[in-house]
PDB file of N, CA and C in Angstrom:
ATOM      1  N   MET A   1       6.357  -3.638   3.916  1.00  0.00           N
ATOM      2  CA  MET A   1       5.420  -3.862   2.996  1.00  0.00           C
ATOM      3  C   MET A   1       4.983  -5.308   3.133  1.00  0.00           C
ATOM      4  N   ARG A   2       3.725  -5.522   3.116  1.00  0.00           N
ATOM      5  CA  ARG A   2       3.115  -6.715   3.446  1.00  0.00           C
ATOM      6  C   ARG A   2       3.280  -7.629   2.191  1.00  0.00           C
ATOM      7  N   ASP A   3       3.520  -8.883   2.460  1.00  0.00           N
ATOM      8  CA  ASP A   3       3.671 -10.006   1.478  1.00  0.00           C
ATOM      9  C   ASP A   3       2.218 -10.328   1.112  1.00  0.00           C
ATOM     10  N   ILE A   4       1.884 -10.331  -0.252  1.00  0.00           N
ATOM     11  CA  ILE A   4       0.507 -10.556  -0.549  1.00  0.00           C
ATOM     12  C   ILE A   4       0.307 -12.127  -0.239  1.00  0.00           C
ATOM     13  N   PHE A   5       1.180 -13.054  -0.635  1.00  0.00           N
ATOM     14  CA  PHE A   5       0.860 -14.409  -0.312  1.00  0.00           C
ATOM     15  C   PHE A   5       0.975 -14.897   1.083  1.00  0.00           C
ATOM     16  N   ASN A   6       1.291 -14.038   2.070  1.00  0.00           N
ATOM     17  CA  ASN A   6       1.437 -14.405   3.472  1.00  0.00           C
ATOM     18  C   ASN A   6       0.122 -13.708   4.290  1.00  0.00           C
ATOM     19  N   ASP A   7      -0.648 -12.999   3.484  1.00  0.00           N
ATOM     20  CA  ASP A   7      -1.853 -12.426   4.111  1.00  0.00           C
ATOM     21  C   ASP A   7      -3.040 -12.756   3.319  1.00  0.00           C
ATOM     22  N   ASP A   8      -3.915 -13.586   3.956  1.00  0.00           N
ATOM     23  CA  ASP A   8      -5.101 -14.175   3.326  1.00  0.00           C
ATOM     24  C   ASP A   8      -6.046 -13.080   2.778  1.00  0.00           C
ATOM     25  N   GLU A   9      -6.159 -12.102   3.534  1.00  0.00           N
ATOM     26  CA  GLU A   9      -7.062 -10.969   3.115  1.00  0.00           C
ATOM     27  C   GLU A   9      -6.582 -10.110   1.967  1.00  0.00           C
ATOM     28  N   LEU A  10      -5.267  -9.887   2.077  1.00  0.00           N
ATOM     29  CA  LEU A  10      -4.551  -9.052   0.959  1.00  0.00           C
ATOM     30  C   LEU A  10      -4.544 -10.079  -0.353  1.00  0.00           C
ATOM     31  N   MET A  11      -4.231 -11.237  -0.257  1.00  0.00           N
ATOM     32  CA  MET A  11      -4.270 -12.294  -1.349  1.00  0.00           C
ATOM     33  C   MET A  11      -5.723 -12.381  -2.001  1.00  0.00           C
ATOM     34  N   GLY A  12      -6.695 -12.435  -1.125  1.00  0.00           N
ATOM     35  CA  GLY A  12      -7.999 -12.422  -1.699  1.00  0.00           C
ATOM     36  C   GLY A  12      -8.393 -11.314  -2.405  1.00  0.00           C
ATOM     37  N   THR A  13      -8.055 -10.029  -1.936  1.00  0.00           N
ATOM     38  CA  THR A  13      -8.204  -8.785  -2.614  1.00  0.00           C
ATOM     39  C   THR A  13      -7.516  -8.724  -3.831  1.00  0.00           C
ATOM     40  N   PHE A  14      -6.237  -9.106  -3.922  1.00  0.00           N
ATOM     41  CA  PHE A  14      -5.348  -9.144  -5.066  1.00  0.00           C
ATOM     42  C   PHE A  14      -6.060  -9.829  -6.205  1.00  0.00           C
ATOM     43  N   PHE A  15      -6.335 -11.227  -5.963  1.00  0.00           N
ATOM     44  CA  PHE A  15      -7.028 -12.049  -6.934  1.00  0.00           C
ATOM     45  C   PHE A  15      -8.280 -11.474  -7.534  1.00  0.00           C
ATOM     46  N   TYR A  16      -9.099 -10.978  -6.398  1.00  0.00           N
ATOM     47  CA  TYR A  16     -10.336 -10.414  -6.884  1.00  0.00           C
ATOM     48  C   TYR A  16     -10.024  -9.129  -7.965  1.00  0.00           C
ATOM     49  N   LEU A  17      -9.123  -8.284  -7.539  1.00  0.00           N
ATOM     50  CA  LEU A  17      -8.959  -7.153  -8.459  1.00  0.00           C
ATOM     51  C   LEU A  17      -8.388  -7.364  -9.838  1.00  0.00           C
ATOM     52  N   ILE A  18      -7.467  -8.557  -9.894  1.00  0.00           N
ATOM     53  CA  ILE A  18      -6.914  -8.778 -11.234  1.00  0.00           C
ATOM     54  C   ILE A  18      -7.890  -9.730 -12.247  1.00  0.00           C
ATOM     55  N   GLU A  19      -8.846 -10.382 -11.478  1.00  0.00           N
ATOM     56  CA  GLU A  19      -9.932 -11.019 -12.177  1.00  0.00           C
ATOM     57  C   GLU A  19     -11.047 -10.093 -12.512  1.00  0.00           C
ATOM     58  N   ASN A  20     -11.431  -9.192 -11.837  1.00  0.00           N
ATOM     59  CA  ASN A  20     -12.461  -8.349 -11.973  1.00  0.00           C
ATOM     60  C   ASN A  20     -12.182  -6.836 -12.085  1.00  0.00           C
ATOM     61  N   ALA A  21     -11.000  -6.617 -12.855  1.00  0.00           N
ATOM     62  CA  ALA A  21     -10.691  -5.056 -12.902  1.00  0.00           C
ATOM     63  C   ALA A  21     -11.693  -4.137 -13.610  1.00  0.00           C
ATOM     64  N   GLU A  22     -11.829  -3.137 -13.170  1.00  0.00           N
ATOM     65  CA  GLU A  22     -12.532  -2.047 -13.681  1.00  0.00           C
ATOM     66  C   GLU A  22     -11.673  -1.158 -14.651  1.00  0.00           C
ATOM     67  N   GLU A  23     -12.257  -0.507 -15.679  1.00  0.00           N
ATOM     68  CA  GLU A  23     -11.543   0.377 -16.668  1.00  0.00           C
ATOM     69  C   GLU A  23     -10.753   1.416 -15.928  1.00  0.00           C
ATOM     70  N   GLN A  24     -11.160   1.987 -14.855  1.00  0.00           N
ATOM     71  CA  GLN A  24     -10.299   3.140 -14.192  1.00  0.00           C
ATOM     72  C   GLN A  24      -9.376   2.611 -13.194  1.00  0.00           C
ATOM     73  N   ASP A  25      -9.246   1.252 -13.038  1.00  0.00           N
ATOM     74  CA  ASP A  25      -8.131   0.795 -12.118  1.00  0.00           C
ATOM     75  C   ASP A  25      -6.892   0.824 -12.756  1.00  0.00           C
ATOM     76  N   ARG A  26      -5.788   1.017 -12.017  1.00  0.00           N
ATOM     77  CA  ARG A  26      -4.487   1.134 -12.396  1.00  0.00           C
ATOM     78  C   ARG A  26      -3.509   0.335 -11.562  1.00  0.00           C
ATOM     79  N   CYS A  27      -2.841  -0.466 -12.215  1.00  0.00           N
ATOM     80  CA  CYS A  27      -1.817  -1.335 -11.529  1.00  0.00           C
ATOM     81  C   CYS A  27      -0.411  -0.885 -11.734  1.00  0.00           C
ATOM     82  N   TYR A  28       0.336  -0.729 -10.821  1.00  0.00           N
ATOM     83  CA  TYR A  28       1.765  -0.371 -10.929  1.00  0.00           C
ATOM     84  C   TYR A  28       2.526  -1.432 -10.315  1.00  0.00           C
ATOM     85  N   ILE A  29       3.621  -1.956 -11.078  1.00  0.00           N
ATOM     86  CA  ILE A  29       4.528  -2.967 -10.667  1.00  0.00           C
ATOM     87  C   ILE A  29       5.981  -2.484 -10.821  1.00  0.00           C
ATOM     88  N   TYR A  30       6.665  -2.484  -9.522  1.00  0.00           N
ATOM     89  CA  TYR A  30       7.991  -2.170  -9.460  1.00  0.00           C
ATOM     90  C   TYR A  30       8.872  -3.257  -9.087  1.00  0.00           C
ATOM     91  N   ARG A  31      10.015  -3.353  -9.671  1.00  0.00           N
ATOM     92  CA  ARG A  31      10.872  -4.448  -9.234  1.00  0.00           C
ATOM     93  C   ARG A  31      11.503  -3.954  -7.922  1.00  0.00           C
ATOM     94  N   ILE A  32      11.726  -4.922  -7.030  1.00  0.00           N
ATOM     95  CA  ILE A  32      12.338  -4.547  -5.714  1.00  0.00           C
ATOM     96  C   ILE A  32      13.888  -5.035  -5.737  1.00  0.00           C
ATOM     97  N   LYS A  33      14.674  -4.150  -5.435  1.00  0.00           N
ATOM     98  CA  LYS A  33      16.219  -4.525  -5.283  1.00  0.00           C
ATOM     99  C   LYS A  33      16.765  -3.867  -3.919  1.00  0.00           C
ATOM    100  N   ASP A  34      17.318  -4.683  -3.227  1.00  0.00           N
ATOM    101  CA  ASP A  34      17.899  -4.301  -1.884  1.00  0.00           C
ATOM    102  C   ASP A  34      16.813  -3.763  -0.962  1.00  0.00           C
ATOM    103  N   GLY A  35      15.652  -4.451  -1.208  1.00  0.00           N
ATOM    104  CA  GLY A  35      14.468  -4.078  -0.186  1.00  0.00           C
ATOM    105  C   GLY A  35      13.717  -2.872  -0.674  1.00  0.00           C
ATOM    106  N   LYS A  36      14.150  -2.229  -1.836  1.00  0.00           N
ATOM    107  CA  LYS A  36      13.534  -0.973  -2.216  1.00  0.00           C
ATOM    108  C   LYS A  36      13.052  -1.079  -3.677  1.00  0.00           C
ATOM    109  N   PRO A  37      11.787  -0.426  -3.927  1.00  0.00           N
ATOM    110  CA  PRO A  37      11.163  -0.441  -5.257  1.00  0.00           C
ATOM    111  C   PRO A  37      12.046   0.337  -6.231  1.00  0.00           C
ATOM    112  N   LEU A  38      12.333  -0.143  -7.364  1.00  0.00           N
ATOM    113  CA  LEU A  38      13.069   0.606  -8.523  1.00  0.00           C
ATOM    114  C   LEU A  38      11.959   1.361  -9.281  1.00  0.00           C
ATOM    115  N   ARG A  39      12.226   2.615  -9.547  1.00  0.00           N
ATOM    116  CA  ARG A  39      11.460   3.499 -10.480  1.00  0.00           C
ATOM    117  C   ARG A  39      12.201   3.581 -11.735  1.00  0.00           C
ATOM    118  N   PRO A  40      11.421   3.715 -12.818  1.00  0.00           N
ATOM    119  CA  PRO A  40       9.985   3.691 -13.046  1.00  0.00           C
ATOM    120  C   PRO A  40       9.340   2.358 -12.814  1.00  0.00           C
ATOM    121  N   SER A  41       8.002   2.304 -13.005  1.00  0.00           N
ATOM    122  CA  SER A  41       7.303   1.023 -12.915  1.00  0.00           C
ATOM    123  C   SER A  41       7.648   0.145 -14.182  1.00  0.00           C
ATOM    124  N   ILE A  42       7.636  -1.120 -13.970  1.00  0.00           N
ATOM    125  CA  ILE A  42       7.911  -2.024 -15.214  1.00  0.00           C
ATOM    126  C   ILE A  42       6.667  -2.419 -15.912  1.00  0.00           C
ATOM    127  N   ILE A  43       5.425  -2.186 -15.218  1.00  0.00           N
ATOM    128  CA  ILE A  43       4.116  -2.342 -15.666  1.00  0.00           C
ATOM    129  C   ILE A  43       3.198  -1.429 -15.071  1.00  0.00           C
ATOM    130  N   LYS A  44       2.469  -0.821 -16.045  1.00  0.00           N
ATOM    131  CA  LYS A  44       1.474   0.260 -15.600  1.00  0.00           C
ATOM    132  C   LYS A  44       0.278  -0.049 -16.517  1.00  0.00           C
ATOM    133  N   GLY A  45      -0.861  -0.052 -15.866  1.00  0.00           N
ATOM    134  CA  GLY A  45      -2.205  -0.248 -16.659  1.00  0.00           C
ATOM    135  C   GLY A  45      -3.298  -0.958 -15.866  1.00  0.00           C
ATOM    136  N   VAL A  46      -4.283  -1.363 -16.614  1.00  0.00           N
ATOM    137  CA  VAL A  46      -5.384  -1.948 -15.984  1.00  0.00           C
ATOM    138  C   VAL A  46      -4.933  -3.343 -15.440  1.00  0.00           C
ATOM    139  N   PRO A  47      -5.201  -3.874 -14.263  1.00  0.00           N
ATOM    140  CA  PRO A  47      -4.851  -5.298 -13.722  1.00  0.00           C
ATOM    141  C   PRO A  47      -5.439  -6.243 -14.782  1.00  0.00           C
ATOM    142  N   TYR A  48      -4.725  -7.383 -14.862  1.00  0.00           N
ATOM    143  CA  TYR A  48      -5.194  -8.443 -15.738  1.00  0.00           C
ATOM    144  C   TYR A  48      -4.875  -9.834 -15.283  1.00  0.00           C
ATOM    145  N   PRO A  49      -5.416 -10.847 -15.639  1.00  0.00           N
ATOM    146  CA  PRO A  49      -5.269 -12.152 -15.014  1.00  0.00           C
ATOM    147  C   PRO A  49      -3.885 -12.729 -15.337  1.00  0.00           C
ATOM    148  N   ARG A  50      -3.223 -12.451 -16.434  1.00  0.00           N
ATOM    149  CA  ARG A  50      -1.979 -13.011 -16.654  1.00  0.00           C
ATOM    150  C   ARG A  50      -0.908 -12.241 -16.165  1.00  0.00           C
ATOM    151  N   LEU A  51      -1.040 -11.466 -15.185  1.00  0.00           N
ATOM    152  CA  LEU A  51      -0.033 -10.753 -14.512  1.00  0.00           C
ATOM    153  C   LEU A  51       1.213 -11.619 -13.979  1.00  0.00           C
ATOM    154  N   PHE A  52       0.916 -12.598 -13.348  1.00  0.00           N
ATOM    155  CA  PHE A  52       1.870 -13.575 -12.748  1.00  0.00           C
ATOM    156  C   PHE A  52       2.765 -14.143 -13.922  1.00  0.00           C
ATOM    157  N   ASP A  53       2.155 -14.508 -14.987  1.00  0.00           N
ATOM    158  CA  ASP A  53       2.835 -15.037 -16.068  1.00  0.00           C
ATOM    159  C   ASP A  53       3.784 -14.002 -16.824  1.00  0.00           C
ATOM    160  N   ASP A  54       3.305 -12.931 -16.927  1.00  0.00           N
ATOM    161  CA  ASP A  54       4.217 -11.850 -17.391  1.00  0.00           C
ATOM    162  C   ASP A  54       5.359 -11.441 -16.528  1.00  0.00           C
ATOM    163  N   LEU A  55       5.091 -11.487 -15.291  1.00  0.00           N
ATOM    164  CA  LEU A  55       6.252 -11.138 -14.298  1.00  0.00           C
ATOM    165  C   LEU A  55       7.148 -12.358 -14.334  1.00  0.00           C
ATOM    166  N   ARG A  56       6.789 -13.526 -14.506  1.00  0.00           N
ATOM    167  CA  ARG A  56       7.733 -14.779 -14.500  1.00  0.00           C
ATOM    168  C   ARG A  56       8.427 -14.687 -15.889  1.00  0.00           C
ATOM    169  N   ASP A  57       7.547 -14.779 -16.958  1.00  0.00           N
ATOM    170  CA  ASP A  57       8.170 -14.924 -18.433  1.00  0.00           C
ATOM    171  C   ASP A  57       8.818 -13.756 -18.889  1.00  0.00           C
ATOM    172  N   GLN A  58       8.434 -12.491 -18.898  1.00  0.00           N
ATOM    173  CA  GLN A  58       8.959 -11.333 -19.447  1.00  0.00           C
ATOM    174  C   GLN A  58       9.914 -10.595 -18.498  1.00  0.00           C
ATOM    175  N   HIS A  59       9.799 -10.795 -17.312  1.00  0.00           N
ATOM    176  CA  HIS A  59      10.573 -10.120 -16.298  1.00  0.00           C
ATOM    177  C   HIS A  59      11.443 -10.949 -15.401  1.00  0.00           C
ATOM    178  N   GLY A  60      11.443 -12.233 -15.623  1.00  0.00           N
ATOM    179  CA  GLY A  60      12.346 -13.122 -15.037  1.00  0.00           C
ATOM    180  C   GLY A  60      12.163 -13.516 -13.517  1.00  0.00           C
ATOM    181  N   GLY A  61      10.814 -13.273 -13.075  1.00  0.00           N
ATOM    182  CA  GLY A  61      10.512 -13.470 -11.651  1.00  0.00           C
ATOM    183  C   GLY A  61      11.316 -12.546 -10.690  1.00  0.00           C
ATOM    184  N   GLY A  62      11.143 -12.851  -9.490  1.00  0.00           N
ATOM    185  CA  GLY A  62      11.900 -12.046  -8.538  1.00  0.00           C
ATOM    186  C   GLY A  62      10.865 -11.264  -7.529  1.00  0.00           C
ATOM    187  N   ASP A  63      11.305 -10.293  -6.832  1.00  0.00           N
ATOM    188  CA  ASP A  63      10.399  -9.583  -5.901  1.00  0.00           C
ATOM    189  C   ASP A  63       9.964  -8.302  -6.627  1.00  0.00           C
ATOM    190  N   PHE A  64       8.639  -8.120  -6.276  1.00  0.00           N
ATOM    191  CA  PHE A  64       7.880  -6.942  -6.910  1.00  0.00           C
ATOM    192  C   PHE A  64       7.132  -6.297  -6.092  1.00  0.00           C
ATOM    193  N   GLN A  65       6.973  -4.817  -5.947  1.00  0.00           N
ATOM    194  CA  GLN A  65       6.018  -4.020  -5.334  1.00  0.00           C
ATOM    195  C   GLN A  65       4.704  -3.892  -6.245  1.00  0.00           C
ATOM    196  N   VAL A  66       3.561  -4.181  -5.682  1.00  0.00           N
ATOM    197  CA  VAL A  66       2.397  -4.130  -6.453  1.00  0.00           C
ATOM    198  C   VAL A  66       1.492  -2.966  -5.822  1.00  0.00           C
ATOM    199  N   MET A  67       1.035  -2.107  -6.545  1.00  0.00           N
ATOM    200  CA  MET A  67      -0.021  -1.147  -6.169  1.00  0.00           C
ATOM    201  C   MET A  67      -1.067  -1.038  -7.016  1.00  0.00           C
ATOM    202  N   ILE A  68      -2.189  -1.017  -6.543  1.00  0.00           N
ATOM    203  CA  ILE A  68      -3.462  -1.034  -7.430  1.00  0.00           C
ATOM    204  C   ILE A  68      -4.330   0.177  -7.029  1.00  0.00           C
ATOM    205  N   ARG A  69      -4.637   1.047  -7.867  1.00  0.00           N
ATOM    206  CA  ARG A  69      -5.422   2.288  -7.415  1.00  0.00           C
ATOM    207  C   ARG A  69      -6.622   2.180  -8.350  1.00  0.00           C
ATOM    208  N   ARG A  70      -7.818   2.932  -7.691  1.00  0.00           N
ATOM    209  CA  ARG A  70      -8.779   3.277  -8.408  1.00  0.00           C
ATOM    210  C   ARG A  70      -9.191   4.757  -8.295  1.00  0.00           C
ATOM    211  N   GLY A  71      -8.637   5.593  -9.321  1.00  0.00           N
ATOM    212  CA  GLY A  71      -8.579   7.011  -9.059  1.00  0.00           C
ATOM    213  C   GLY A  71      -7.635   7.401  -8.074  1.00  0.00           C
ATOM    214  N   GLU A  72      -8.113   8.068  -7.136  1.00  0.00           N
ATOM    215  CA  GLU A  72      -7.169   8.580  -6.039  1.00  0.00           C
ATOM    216  C   GLU A  72      -7.295   7.483  -4.779  1.00  0.00           C
ATOM    217  N   THR A  73      -7.926   6.495  -4.997  1.00  0.00           N
ATOM    218  CA  THR A  73      -8.039   5.600  -3.745  1.00  0.00           C
ATOM    219  C   THR A  73      -7.144   4.367  -4.197  1.00  0.00           C
ATOM    220  N   MET A  74      -6.379   3.989  -3.007  1.00  0.00           N
ATOM    221  CA  MET A  74      -5.496   2.933  -2.992  1.00  0.00           C
ATOM    222  C   MET A  74      -6.236   1.687  -2.653  1.00  0.00           C
ATOM    223  N   LEU A  75      -6.382   0.782  -3.579  1.00  0.00           N
ATOM    224  CA  LEU A  75      -6.982  -0.568  -3.246  1.00  0.00           C
ATOM    225  C   LEU A  75      -6.191  -1.648  -2.725  1.00  0.00           C
ATOM    226  N   LEU A  76      -4.882  -1.682  -3.019  1.00  0.00           N
ATOM    227  CA  LEU A  76      -4.063  -2.672  -2.586  1.00  0.00           C
ATOM    228  C   LEU A  76      -2.597  -2.171  -2.666  1.00  0.00           C
ATOM    229  N   ALA A  77      -1.719  -2.579  -1.793  1.00  0.00           N
ATOM    230  CA  ALA A  77      -0.378  -2.388  -1.880  1.00  0.00           C
ATOM    231  C   ALA A  77       0.361  -3.519  -1.237  1.00  0.00           C
ATOM    232  N   GLY A  78       1.378  -4.189  -1.889  1.00  0.00           N
ATOM    233  CA  GLY A  78       1.988  -5.205  -1.216  1.00  0.00           C
ATOM    234  C   GLY A  78       3.196  -5.712  -1.972  1.00  0.00           C
ATOM    235  N   LYS A  79       3.678  -6.775  -1.633  1.00  0.00           N
ATOM    236  CA  LYS A  79       4.941  -7.423  -2.352  1.00  0.00           C
ATOM    237  C   LYS A  79       4.590  -8.868  -2.741  1.00  0.00           C
ATOM    238  N   LEU A  80       5.010  -8.933  -4.039  1.00  0.00           N
ATOM    239  CA  LEU A  80       4.799 -10.293  -4.612  1.00  0.00           C
ATOM    240  C   LEU A  80       6.247 -10.883  -4.937  1.00  0.00           C
ATOM    241  N   CYS A  81       6.391 -12.184  -4.648  1.00  0.00           N
ATOM    242  CA  CYS A  81       7.618 -12.813  -4.900  1.00  0.00           C
ATOM    243  C   CYS A  81       7.192 -14.069  -5.904  1.00  0.00           C
ATOM    244  N   ILE A  82       7.765 -13.941  -7.106  1.00  0.00           N
ATOM    245  CA  ILE A  82       7.534 -14.793  -8.220  1.00  0.00           C
ATOM    246  C   ILE A  82       8.813 -15.643  -8.486  1.00  0.00           C
ATOM    247  N   ALA A  83       8.800 -16.907  -8.713  1.00  0.00           N
ATOM    248  CA  ALA A  83       9.816 -17.870  -9.021  1.00  0.00           C
ATOM    249  C   ALA A  83      10.109 -17.559 -10.461  1.00  0.00           C
ATOM    250  N   PRO A  84      11.431 -17.593 -10.636  1.00  0.00           N
ATOM    251  CA  PRO A  84      12.081 -17.466 -12.099  1.00  0.00           C
ATOM    252  C   PRO A  84      11.470 -18.677 -12.992  1.00  0.00           C
ATOM    253  N   PRO A  85      11.332 -18.428 -14.309  1.00  0.00           N
ATOM    254  CA  PRO A  85      10.913 -19.397 -15.169  1.00  0.00           C
ATOM    255  C   PRO A  85      11.867 -20.572 -15.175  1.00  0.00           C
TER     256      PRO A  85
END
């Protein structure tokens, strides 16, 4: 799984998608434990700009798998590492 912050292209795409989400976009966030995403998702819905704040403040930071889809098309998949509050 590619780290979003270590890949300039992926990071640019991620920031664009959370700032310019379309109504049909869906963001799925899974906590990662022992290198594997835990199901079910902890966040599911339209991507939004305060995503980092919510992962830090409501979920205590850590490692997360992020997937953003538009219908059947995967727009982005990667790993986010968020510092704890």
